[in-house]
Amino acid sequence: MSFNLAPAVWFGLIFTPVLIATGQILFKLTSASTGGLNVQDLVSLATSPTLLVALLLYGLGTLIWIFTLKSVPLTLAYSFMALTFCLVPLFAAVFLGEALTLRYAIGAALIIGGMIIINS
């Protein structure tokens, strides 16, 4: 892995998956109060503060990602998006009380190992 990247690039590579994972947790929380497909329920969903914050985080993550991509090849940058597969279950355990399993730990280790191999 190239360790000669500027701190701002490292920030973008790591913080974007954090924002995306946080957005996923907020989407899950939003889903708990989602009604049907009628107009009233859709308006309620569209104005949900939790959903709006999730979308804001996704938008912020996208902007940070665009500036990150300016500085590194997509092949290097995109492998960092795999961190979302590690972070979402971790955040779900912390914030939603979902269980973490040995399979999750092994999978997360394999993902991180794969990132190291891809970027070395």
C-alpha atoms as a PDB file:
ATOM      1  CA  MET A   1       0.000   0.000   0.000  1.00  0.00           C
ATOM      2  CA  SER A   2       1.306   3.432  -0.866  1.00  0.00           C
ATOM      3  CA  PHE A   3       1.957   5.342   2.320  1.00  0.00           C
ATOM      4  CA  ASN A   4       3.102   8.503   0.537  1.00  0.00           C
ATOM      5  CA  LEU A   5      -0.393   9.936   0.312  1.00  0.00           C
ATOM      6  CA  ALA A   6      -1.271  13.332   1.745  1.00  0.00           C
ATOM      7  CA  PRO A   7      -3.248  13.305   5.017  1.00  0.00           C
ATOM      8  CA  ALA A   8      -6.265  14.793   3.228  1.00  0.00           C
ATOM      9  CA  VAL A   9      -6.275  11.852   0.803  1.00  0.00           C
ATOM     10  CA  TRP A  10      -6.093   9.343   3.670  1.00  0.00           C
ATOM     11  CA  PHE A  11      -8.960  11.225   5.304  1.00  0.00           C
ATOM     12  CA  GLY A  12     -11.057  10.846   2.159  1.00  0.00           C
ATOM     13  CA  LEU A  13     -10.172   7.184   1.690  1.00  0.00           C
ATOM     14  CA  ILE A  14     -11.152   6.283   5.246  1.00  0.00           C
ATOM     15  CA  PHE A  15     -13.823   8.841   6.133  1.00  0.00           C
ATOM     16  CA  THR A  16     -15.979   8.271   3.046  1.00  0.00           C
ATOM     17  CA  PRO A  17     -16.679   4.628   4.011  1.00  0.00           C
ATOM     18  CA  VAL A  18     -17.401   5.814   7.576  1.00  0.00           C
ATOM     19  CA  LEU A  19     -19.986   8.286   6.253  1.00  0.00           C
ATOM     20  CA  ILE A  20     -21.541   5.658   3.975  1.00  0.00           C
ATOM     21  CA  ALA A  21     -21.700   3.102   6.814  1.00  0.00           C
ATOM     22  CA  THR A  22     -23.279   5.673   9.128  1.00  0.00           C
ATOM     23  CA  GLY A  23     -25.814   6.469   6.434  1.00  0.00           C
ATOM     24  CA  GLN A  24     -26.703   2.776   6.211  1.00  0.00           C
ATOM     25  CA  ILE A  25     -27.407   2.669   9.944  1.00  0.00           C
ATOM     26  CA  LEU A  26     -29.641   5.723   9.592  1.00  0.00           C
ATOM     27  CA  PHE A  27     -31.437   4.100   6.638  1.00  0.00           C
ATOM     28  CA  LYS A  28     -32.098   1.068   8.833  1.00  0.00           C
ATOM     29  CA  LEU A  29     -33.459   3.312  11.596  1.00  0.00           C
ATOM     30  CA  THR A  30     -35.629   5.089   9.014  1.00  0.00           C
ATOM     31  CA  SER A  31     -37.015   1.767   7.806  1.00  0.00           C
ATOM     32  CA  ALA A  32     -38.495   1.079  11.252  1.00  0.00           C
ATOM     33  CA  SER A  33     -40.958   3.943  10.793  1.00  0.00           C
ATOM     34  CA  THR A  34     -41.643   3.471   7.101  1.00  0.00           C
ATOM     35  CA  GLY A  35     -45.292   3.055   6.245  1.00  0.00           C
ATOM     36  CA  GLY A  36     -46.891   1.989   3.015  1.00  0.00           C
ATOM     37  CA  LEU A  37     -46.717   3.301  -0.521  1.00  0.00           C
ATOM     38  CA  ASN A  38     -49.547   5.780  -0.158  1.00  0.00           C
ATOM     39  CA  VAL A  39     -48.948   9.509  -0.574  1.00  0.00           C
ATOM     40  CA  GLN A  40     -49.196  10.355   3.122  1.00  0.00           C
ATOM     41  CA  ASP A  41     -46.655   7.695   4.131  1.00  0.00           C
ATOM     42  CA  LEU A  42     -44.290   8.670   1.310  1.00  0.00           C
ATOM     43  CA  VAL A  43     -44.432  12.349   2.327  1.00  0.00           C
ATOM     44  CA  SER A  44     -43.792  11.309   5.921  1.00  0.00           C
ATOM     45  CA  LEU A  45     -40.807   9.245   4.776  1.00  0.00           C
ATOM     46  CA  ALA A  46     -39.435  12.033   2.585  1.00  0.00           C
ATOM     47  CA  THR A  47     -39.553  14.481   5.497  1.00  0.00           C
ATOM     48  CA  SER A  48     -38.116  12.093   8.081  1.00  0.00           C
ATOM     49  CA  PRO A  49     -35.217  13.800   9.882  1.00  0.00           C
ATOM     50  CA  THR A  50     -33.364  10.478  10.100  1.00  0.00           C
ATOM     51  CA  LEU A  51     -33.643   9.933   6.354  1.00  0.00           C
ATOM     52  CA  LEU A  52     -32.613  13.518   5.629  1.00  0.00           C
ATOM     53  CA  VAL A  53     -29.497  13.178   7.791  1.00  0.00           C
ATOM     54  CA  ALA A  54     -28.650   9.867   6.076  1.00  0.00           C
ATOM     55  CA  LEU A  55     -28.950  11.515   2.662  1.00  0.00           C
ATOM     56  CA  LEU A  56     -26.870  14.466   3.847  1.00  0.00           C
ATOM     57  CA  LEU A  57     -24.119  12.096   5.000  1.00  0.00           C
ATOM     58  CA  TYR A  58     -24.234  10.254   1.671  1.00  0.00           C
ATOM     59  CA  GLY A  59     -23.985  13.585  -0.160  1.00  0.00           C
ATOM     60  CA  LEU A  60     -21.091  14.744   1.997  1.00  0.00           C
ATOM     61  CA  GLY A  61     -19.370  11.397   1.489  1.00  0.00           C
ATOM     62  CA  THR A  62     -19.813  11.757  -2.258  1.00  0.00           C
ATOM     63  CA  LEU A  63     -18.264  15.232  -2.281  1.00  0.00           C
ATOM     64  CA  ILE A  64     -15.295  14.077  -0.205  1.00  0.00           C
ATOM     65  CA  TRP A  65     -14.945  11.050  -2.499  1.00  0.00           C
ATOM     66  CA  ILE A  66     -14.839  13.229  -5.628  1.00  0.00           C
ATOM     67  CA  PHE A  67     -11.954  15.261  -4.213  1.00  0.00           C
ATOM     68  CA  THR A  68     -10.208  12.082  -3.065  1.00  0.00           C
ATOM     69  CA  LEU A  69     -10.452  10.603  -6.567  1.00  0.00           C
ATOM     70  CA  LYS A  70      -8.682  13.670  -7.874  1.00  0.00           C
ATOM     71  CA  SER A  71      -5.537  12.552  -6.062  1.00  0.00           C
ATOM     72  CA  VAL A  72      -5.423   8.762  -6.418  1.00  0.00           C
ATOM     73  CA  PRO A  73      -6.235   6.184  -9.091  1.00  0.00           C
ATOM     74  CA  LEU A  74      -9.725   4.727  -8.885  1.00  0.00           C
ATOM     75  CA  THR A  75      -8.219   1.236  -8.568  1.00  0.00           C
ATOM     76  CA  LEU A  76      -6.542   2.262  -5.316  1.00  0.00           C
ATOM     77  CA  ALA A  77      -9.402   4.368  -3.988  1.00  0.00           C
ATOM     78  CA  TYR A  78     -12.248   1.985  -4.688  1.00  0.00           C
ATOM     79  CA  SER A  79     -10.739  -0.837  -2.683  1.00  0.00           C
ATOM     80  CA  PHE A  80     -11.244   1.356   0.395  1.00  0.00           C
ATOM     81  CA  MET A  81     -14.995   1.278  -0.192  1.00  0.00           C
ATOM     82  CA  ALA A  82     -14.793  -2.373   0.906  1.00  0.00           C
ATOM     83  CA  LEU A  83     -14.379  -0.967   4.407  1.00  0.00           C
ATOM     84  CA  THR A  84     -18.125  -0.371   4.402  1.00  0.00           C
ATOM     85  CA  PHE A  85     -18.583  -4.168   4.514  1.00  0.00           C
ATOM     86  CA  CYS A  86     -16.570  -4.142   7.743  1.00  0.00           C
ATOM     87  CA  LEU A  87     -18.028  -0.982   9.261  1.00  0.00           C
ATOM     88  CA  VAL A  88     -21.757  -1.480   8.664  1.00  0.00           C
ATOM     89  CA  PRO A  89     -21.999  -4.699  10.745  1.00  0.00           C
ATOM     90  CA  LEU A  90     -19.744  -3.161  13.404  1.00  0.00           C
ATOM     91  CA  PHE A  91     -21.909  -0.034  13.612  1.00  0.00           C
ATOM     92  CA  ALA A  92     -25.051  -2.213  13.573  1.00  0.00           C
ATOM     93  CA  ALA A  93     -23.715  -4.077  16.602  1.00  0.00           C
ATOM     94  CA  VAL A  94     -22.873  -0.871  18.458  1.00  0.00           C
ATOM     95  CA  PHE A  95     -25.935   1.223  17.579  1.00  0.00           C
ATOM     96  CA  LEU A  96     -28.629  -1.354  16.813  1.00  0.00           C
ATOM     97  CA  GLY A  97     -27.634  -4.201  19.101  1.00  0.00           C
ATOM     98  CA  GLU A  98     -27.151  -6.640  16.232  1.00  0.00           C
ATOM     99  CA  ALA A  99     -24.892  -9.615  16.880  1.00  0.00           C
ATOM    100  CA  LEU A 100     -21.366  -9.958  15.548  1.00  0.00           C
ATOM    101  CA  THR A 101     -20.243 -13.449  14.727  1.00  0.00           C
ATOM    102  CA  LEU A 102     -16.960 -15.215  14.224  1.00  0.00           C
ATOM    103  CA  ARG A 103     -17.840 -15.375  10.519  1.00  0.00           C
ATOM    104  CA  TYR A 104     -18.098 -11.573  10.471  1.00  0.00           C
ATOM    105  CA  ALA A 105     -14.670 -11.245  12.099  1.00  0.00           C
ATOM    106  CA  ILE A 106     -13.122 -13.696   9.633  1.00  0.00           C
ATOM    107  CA  GLY A 107     -14.820 -11.964   6.690  1.00  0.00           C
ATOM    108  CA  ALA A 108     -13.692  -8.521   7.843  1.00  0.00           C
ATOM    109  CA  ALA A 109     -10.125  -9.810   8.250  1.00  0.00           C
ATOM    110  CA  LEU A 110     -10.243 -11.250   4.725  1.00  0.00           C
ATOM    111  CA  ILE A 111     -11.540  -7.962   3.321  1.00  0.00           C
ATOM    112  CA  ILE A 112      -8.780  -5.984   5.009  1.00  0.00           C
ATOM    113  CA  GLY A 113      -6.216  -8.571   3.907  1.00  0.00           C
ATOM    114  CA  GLY A 114      -7.525  -8.255   0.360  1.00  0.00           C
ATOM    115  CA  MET A 115      -7.179  -4.476   0.521  1.00  0.00           C
ATOM    116  CA  ILE A 116      -3.580  -4.845   1.606  1.00  0.00           C
ATOM    117  CA  ILE A 117      -2.856  -7.278  -1.227  1.00  0.00           C
ATOM    118  CA  ILE A 118      -4.618  -5.151  -3.857  1.00  0.00           C
ATOM    119  CA  ASN A 119      -2.796  -1.994  -2.822  1.00  0.00           C
ATOM    120  CA  SER A 120       0.676  -3.420  -2.219  1.00  0.00           C
END
